[in-house]
């Protein structure tokens, strides 16, 4: 989204999202869903990265 980046503030901190340009009005619903999805996530430090597959509905 806009080529921005993410930052994370240590133990018990929070996300710091940065975007390179303002959003258009038609993008706001998608941006809101994206930020709400981040709100439910947490970063676990000192663990190896891994890929998780979600089973598709249908």
PDB file of N, CA and C in Angstrom:
ATOM      1  N   UNK A   1       0.826  -1.179   0.000  1.00  0.00           N
ATOM      2  CA  UNK A   1       0.000   0.000   0.000  1.00  0.00           C
ATOM      3  C   UNK A   1       0.868   1.239   0.000  1.00  0.00           C
ATOM      4  N   UNK A   2       1.107   1.779  -1.108  1.00  0.00           N
ATOM      5  CA  UNK A   2       1.838   3.025  -1.178  1.00  0.00           C
ATOM      6  C   UNK A   2       3.334   2.903  -0.969  1.00  0.00           C
ATOM      7  N   UNK A   3       3.864   1.693  -0.858  1.00  0.00           N
ATOM      8  CA  UNK A   3       5.300   1.515  -0.693  1.00  0.00           C
ATOM      9  C   UNK A   3       5.823   1.999   0.646  1.00  0.00           C
ATOM     10  N   UNK A   4       4.978   2.125   1.632  1.00  0.00           N
ATOM     11  CA  UNK A   4       5.394   2.591   2.953  1.00  0.00           C
ATOM     12  C   UNK A   4       6.128   1.513   3.709  1.00  0.00           C
ATOM     13  N   UNK A   5       6.009   1.531   5.004  1.00  0.00           N
ATOM     14  CA  UNK A   5       6.703   0.533   5.802  1.00  0.00           C
ATOM     15  C   UNK A   5       6.019   0.337   7.130  1.00  0.00           C
ATOM     16  N   UNK A   6       6.565  -0.595   7.889  1.00  0.00           N
ATOM     17  CA  UNK A   6       6.052  -0.877   9.222  1.00  0.00           C
ATOM     18  C   UNK A   6       7.187  -0.732  10.215  1.00  0.00           C
ATOM     19  N   UNK A   7       6.869  -0.321  11.396  1.00  0.00           N
ATOM     20  CA  UNK A   7       7.816  -0.329  12.491  1.00  0.00           C
ATOM     21  C   UNK A   7       7.144  -1.014  13.661  1.00  0.00           C
ATOM     22  N   UNK A   8       7.930  -1.504  14.581  1.00  0.00           N
ATOM     23  CA  UNK A   8       7.349  -2.139  15.767  1.00  0.00           C
ATOM     24  C   UNK A   8       8.095  -1.630  16.982  1.00  0.00           C
ATOM     25  N   UNK A   9       7.351  -1.295  18.026  1.00  0.00           N
ATOM     26  CA  UNK A   9       7.946  -0.779  19.243  1.00  0.00           C
ATOM     27  C   UNK A   9       8.050  -1.880  20.278  1.00  0.00           C
ATOM     28  N   UNK A  10       9.223  -2.421  20.460  1.00  0.00           N
ATOM     29  CA  UNK A  10       9.580  -3.405  21.488  1.00  0.00           C
ATOM     30  C   UNK A  10       8.465  -4.109  22.234  1.00  0.00           C
ATOM     31  N   UNK A  11       8.782  -4.595  23.412  1.00  0.00           N
ATOM     32  CA  UNK A  11       7.849  -5.378  24.216  1.00  0.00           C
ATOM     33  C   UNK A  11       6.603  -4.569  24.575  1.00  0.00           C
ATOM     34  N   UNK A  12       5.457  -5.111  24.246  1.00  0.00           N
ATOM     35  CA  UNK A  12       4.198  -4.472  24.598  1.00  0.00           C
ATOM     36  C   UNK A  12       3.922  -3.190  23.850  1.00  0.00           C
ATOM     37  N   UNK A  13       4.708  -2.902  22.829  1.00  0.00           N
ATOM     38  CA  UNK A  13       4.541  -1.673  22.068  1.00  0.00           C
ATOM     39  C   UNK A  13       3.393  -1.758  21.094  1.00  0.00           C
ATOM     40  N   UNK A  14       3.549  -1.167  19.948  1.00  0.00           N
ATOM     41  CA  UNK A  14       2.483  -1.176  18.954  1.00  0.00           C
ATOM     42  C   UNK A  14       3.033  -0.996  17.557  1.00  0.00           C
ATOM     43  N   UNK A  15       2.156  -1.061  16.601  1.00  0.00           N
ATOM     44  CA  UNK A  15       2.532  -0.887  15.201  1.00  0.00           C
ATOM     45  C   UNK A  15       2.711   0.592  14.881  1.00  0.00           C
ATOM     46  N   UNK A  16       3.623   0.880  13.987  1.00  0.00           N
ATOM     47  CA  UNK A  16       3.800   2.225  13.453  1.00  0.00           C
ATOM     48  C   UNK A  16       3.764   2.096  11.937  1.00  0.00           C
ATOM     49  N   UNK A  17       2.620   2.360  11.343  1.00  0.00           N
ATOM     50  CA  UNK A  17       2.490   2.215   9.887  1.00  0.00           C
ATOM     51  C   UNK A  17       2.766   3.545   9.207  1.00  0.00           C
ATOM     52  N   UNK A  18       3.437   3.476   8.075  1.00  0.00           N
ATOM     53  CA  UNK A  18       3.753   4.670   7.294  1.00  0.00           C
ATOM     54  C   UNK A  18       3.376   4.423   5.839  1.00  0.00           C
ATOM     55  N   UNK A  19       2.751   5.395   5.215  1.00  0.00           N
ATOM     56  CA  UNK A  19       2.376   5.312   3.813  1.00  0.00           C
ATOM     57  C   UNK A  19       2.960   6.518   3.091  1.00  0.00           C
ATOM     58  N   UNK A  20       3.333   6.321   1.845  1.00  0.00           N
ATOM     59  CA  UNK A  20       4.024   7.375   1.107  1.00  0.00           C
ATOM     60  C   UNK A  20       3.110   8.462   0.568  1.00  0.00           C
ATOM     61  N   UNK A  21       1.837   8.168   0.431  1.00  0.00           N
ATOM     62  CA  UNK A  21       0.928   9.175  -0.109  1.00  0.00           C
ATOM     63  C   UNK A  21      -0.432   9.047   0.561  1.00  0.00           C
ATOM     64  N   UNK A  22      -1.228  10.108   0.512  1.00  0.00           N
ATOM     65  CA  UNK A  22      -2.572  10.044   1.096  1.00  0.00           C
ATOM     66  C   UNK A  22      -3.452   9.059   0.322  1.00  0.00           C
ATOM     67  N   UNK A  23      -4.470   8.549   0.977  1.00  0.00           N
ATOM     68  CA  UNK A  23      -5.401   7.625   0.340  1.00  0.00           C
ATOM     69  C   UNK A  23      -6.517   8.388  -0.356  1.00  0.00           C
ATOM     70  N   UNK A  24      -7.011   7.817  -1.434  1.00  0.00           N
ATOM     71  CA  UNK A  24      -8.196   8.352  -2.097  1.00  0.00           C
ATOM     72  C   UNK A  24      -9.429   7.924  -1.310  1.00  0.00           C
ATOM     73  N   UNK A  25     -10.512   8.679  -1.457  1.00  0.00           N
ATOM     74  CA  UNK A  25     -11.752   8.350  -0.745  1.00  0.00           C
ATOM     75  C   UNK A  25     -12.213   6.929  -1.025  1.00  0.00           C
ATOM     76  N   UNK A  26     -12.076   6.482  -2.271  1.00  0.00           N
ATOM     77  CA  UNK A  26     -12.562   5.146  -2.631  1.00  0.00           C
ATOM     78  C   UNK A  26     -11.718   4.032  -2.012  1.00  0.00           C
ATOM     79  N   UNK A  27     -10.561   4.349  -1.460  1.00  0.00           N
ATOM     80  CA  UNK A  27      -9.681   3.354  -0.838  1.00  0.00           C
ATOM     81  C   UNK A  27      -9.944   3.180   0.659  1.00  0.00           C
ATOM     82  N   UNK A  28     -10.666   4.094   1.259  1.00  0.00           N
ATOM     83  CA  UNK A  28     -10.746   4.142   2.717  1.00  0.00           C
ATOM     84  C   UNK A  28     -11.336   2.881   3.349  1.00  0.00           C
ATOM     85  N   UNK A  29     -12.340   2.275   2.736  1.00  0.00           N
ATOM     86  CA  UNK A  29     -12.918   1.055   3.307  1.00  0.00           C
ATOM     87  C   UNK A  29     -11.886  -0.073   3.317  1.00  0.00           C
ATOM     88  N   UNK A  30     -11.118  -0.190   2.240  1.00  0.00           N
ATOM     89  CA  UNK A  30     -10.080  -1.220   2.154  1.00  0.00           C
ATOM     90  C   UNK A  30      -8.973  -0.952   3.184  1.00  0.00           C
ATOM     91  N   UNK A  31      -8.569   0.286   3.334  1.00  0.00           N
ATOM     92  CA  UNK A  31      -7.533   0.653   4.304  1.00  0.00           C
ATOM     93  C   UNK A  31      -8.015   0.359   5.724  1.00  0.00           C
ATOM     94  N   UNK A  32      -9.268   0.681   6.004  1.00  0.00           N
ATOM     95  CA  UNK A  32      -9.822   0.407   7.327  1.00  0.00           C
ATOM     96  C   UNK A  32      -9.802  -1.092   7.630  1.00  0.00           C
ATOM     97  N   UNK A  33     -10.209  -1.926   6.671  1.00  0.00           N
ATOM     98  CA  UNK A  33     -10.178  -3.383   6.877  1.00  0.00           C
ATOM     99  C   UNK A  33      -8.750  -3.869   7.111  1.00  0.00           C
ATOM    100  N   UNK A  34      -7.800  -3.315   6.349  1.00  0.00           N
ATOM    101  CA  UNK A  34      -6.396  -3.689   6.502  1.00  0.00           C
ATOM    102  C   UNK A  34      -5.888  -3.354   7.907  1.00  0.00           C
ATOM    103  N   UNK A  35      -6.169  -2.146   8.376  1.00  0.00           N
ATOM    104  CA  UNK A  35      -5.701  -1.727   9.697  1.00  0.00           C
ATOM    105  C   UNK A  35      -6.383  -2.518  10.814  1.00  0.00           C
ATOM    106  N   UNK A  36      -7.666  -2.839  10.660  1.00  0.00           N
ATOM    107  CA  UNK A  36      -8.342  -3.691  11.645  1.00  0.00           C
ATOM    108  C   UNK A  36      -7.728  -5.078  11.679  1.00  0.00           C
ATOM    109  N   UNK A  37      -7.319  -5.597  10.515  1.00  0.00           N
ATOM    110  CA  UNK A  37      -6.687  -6.926  10.497  1.00  0.00           C
ATOM    111  C   UNK A  37      -5.332  -6.890  11.207  1.00  0.00           C
ATOM    112  N   UNK A  38      -4.602  -5.790  11.096  1.00  0.00           N
ATOM    113  CA  UNK A  38      -3.330  -5.647  11.818  1.00  0.00           C
ATOM    114  C   UNK A  38      -3.544  -5.561  13.321  1.00  0.00           C
ATOM    115  N   UNK A  39      -4.643  -4.960  13.718  1.00  0.00           N
ATOM    116  CA  UNK A  39      -4.914  -4.756  15.142  1.00  0.00           C
ATOM    117  C   UNK A  39      -4.970  -6.089  15.889  1.00  0.00           C
ATOM    118  N   UNK A  40      -5.364  -7.163  15.217  1.00  0.00           N
ATOM    119  CA  UNK A  40      -5.480  -8.476  15.857  1.00  0.00           C
ATOM    120  C   UNK A  40      -4.168  -9.251  15.848  1.00  0.00           C
ATOM    121  N   UNK A  41      -3.117  -8.708  15.256  1.00  0.00           N
ATOM    122  CA  UNK A  41      -1.845  -9.423  15.120  1.00  0.00           C
ATOM    123  C   UNK A  41      -0.849  -8.967  16.172  1.00  0.00           C
ATOM    124  N   UNK A  42       0.143  -9.799  16.393  1.00  0.00           N
ATOM    125  CA  UNK A  42       1.249  -9.412  17.270  1.00  0.00           C
ATOM    126  C   UNK A  42       2.537  -9.981  16.693  1.00  0.00           C
ATOM    127  N   UNK A  43       3.620  -9.342  17.005  1.00  0.00           N
ATOM    128  CA  UNK A  43       4.933  -9.779  16.547  1.00  0.00           C
ATOM    129  C   UNK A  43       5.570 -10.610  17.647  1.00  0.00           C
ATOM    130  N   UNK A  44       6.057 -11.791  17.285  1.00  0.00           N
ATOM    131  CA  UNK A  44       6.770 -12.637  18.233  1.00  0.00           C
ATOM    132  C   UNK A  44       8.242 -12.576  17.853  1.00  0.00           C
ATOM    133  N   UNK A  45       9.035 -12.001  18.713  1.00  0.00           N
ATOM    134  CA  UNK A  45      10.457 -11.796  18.439  1.00  0.00           C
ATOM    135  C   UNK A  45      11.232 -13.064  18.783  1.00  0.00           C
ATOM    136  N   UNK A  46      12.340 -13.270  18.108  1.00  0.00           N
ATOM    137  CA  UNK A  46      13.249 -14.401  18.322  1.00  0.00           C
ATOM    138  C   UNK A  46      12.668 -15.740  17.874  1.00  0.00           C
ATOM    139  N   UNK A  47      11.713 -15.723  16.976  1.00  0.00           N
ATOM    140  CA  UNK A  47      11.212 -16.943  16.362  1.00  0.00           C
ATOM    141  C   UNK A  47      11.501 -16.881  14.869  1.00  0.00           C
ATOM    142  N   UNK A  48      11.792 -18.030  14.291  1.00  0.00           N
ATOM    143  CA  UNK A  48      12.049 -18.084  12.857  1.00  0.00           C
ATOM    144  C   UNK A  48      10.751 -17.805  12.095  1.00  0.00           C
ATOM    145  N   UNK A  49      10.856 -17.072  10.985  1.00  0.00           N
ATOM    146  CA  UNK A  49       9.687 -16.810  10.147  1.00  0.00           C
ATOM    147  C   UNK A  49       9.140 -18.113   9.598  1.00  0.00           C
ATOM    148  N   UNK A  50       7.832 -18.169   9.413  1.00  0.00           N
ATOM    149  CA  UNK A  50       7.225 -19.354   8.814  1.00  0.00           C
ATOM    150  C   UNK A  50       5.993 -18.937   8.018  1.00  0.00           C
ATOM    151  N   UNK A  51       5.601 -19.808   7.126  1.00  0.00           N
ATOM    152  CA  UNK A  51       4.452 -19.560   6.271  1.00  0.00           C
ATOM    153  C   UNK A  51       3.283 -20.387   6.765  1.00  0.00           C
ATOM    154  N   UNK A  52       2.125 -19.769   6.879  1.00  0.00           N
ATOM    155  CA  UNK A  52       0.907 -20.478   7.288  1.00  0.00           C
ATOM    156  C   UNK A  52      -0.086 -20.424   6.143  1.00  0.00           C
ATOM    157  N   UNK A  53      -0.667 -21.554   5.819  1.00  0.00           N
ATOM    158  CA  UNK A  53      -1.686 -21.624   4.778  1.00  0.00           C
ATOM    159  C   UNK A  53      -3.049 -21.678   5.448  1.00  0.00           C
ATOM    160  N   UNK A  54      -3.975 -20.893   4.937  1.00  0.00           N
ATOM    161  CA  UNK A  54      -5.347 -20.917   5.424  1.00  0.00           C
ATOM    162  C   UNK A  54      -6.192 -21.697   4.439  1.00  0.00           C
ATOM    163  N   UNK A  55      -7.025 -22.574   4.944  1.00  0.00           N
ATOM    164  CA  UNK A  55      -7.916 -23.330   4.082  1.00  0.00           C
ATOM    165  C   UNK A  55      -8.983 -22.389   3.521  1.00  0.00           C
ATOM    166  N   UNK A  56      -9.159 -22.438   2.205  1.00  0.00           N
ATOM    167  CA  UNK A  56     -10.136 -21.572   1.544  1.00  0.00           C
ATOM    168  C   UNK A  56     -11.552 -22.008   1.889  1.00  0.00           C
ATOM    169  N   UNK A  57     -12.427 -21.036   2.038  1.00  0.00           N
ATOM    170  CA  UNK A  57     -13.837 -21.343   2.284  1.00  0.00           C
ATOM    171  C   UNK A  57     -14.490 -21.701   0.960  1.00  0.00           C
ATOM    172  N   UNK A  58     -15.410 -22.643   1.025  1.00  0.00           N
ATOM    173  CA  UNK A  58     -16.158 -22.921  -0.197  1.00  0.00           C
ATOM    174  C   UNK A  58     -16.285 -24.311  -0.589  1.00  0.00           C
TER     175      UNK A  58
END
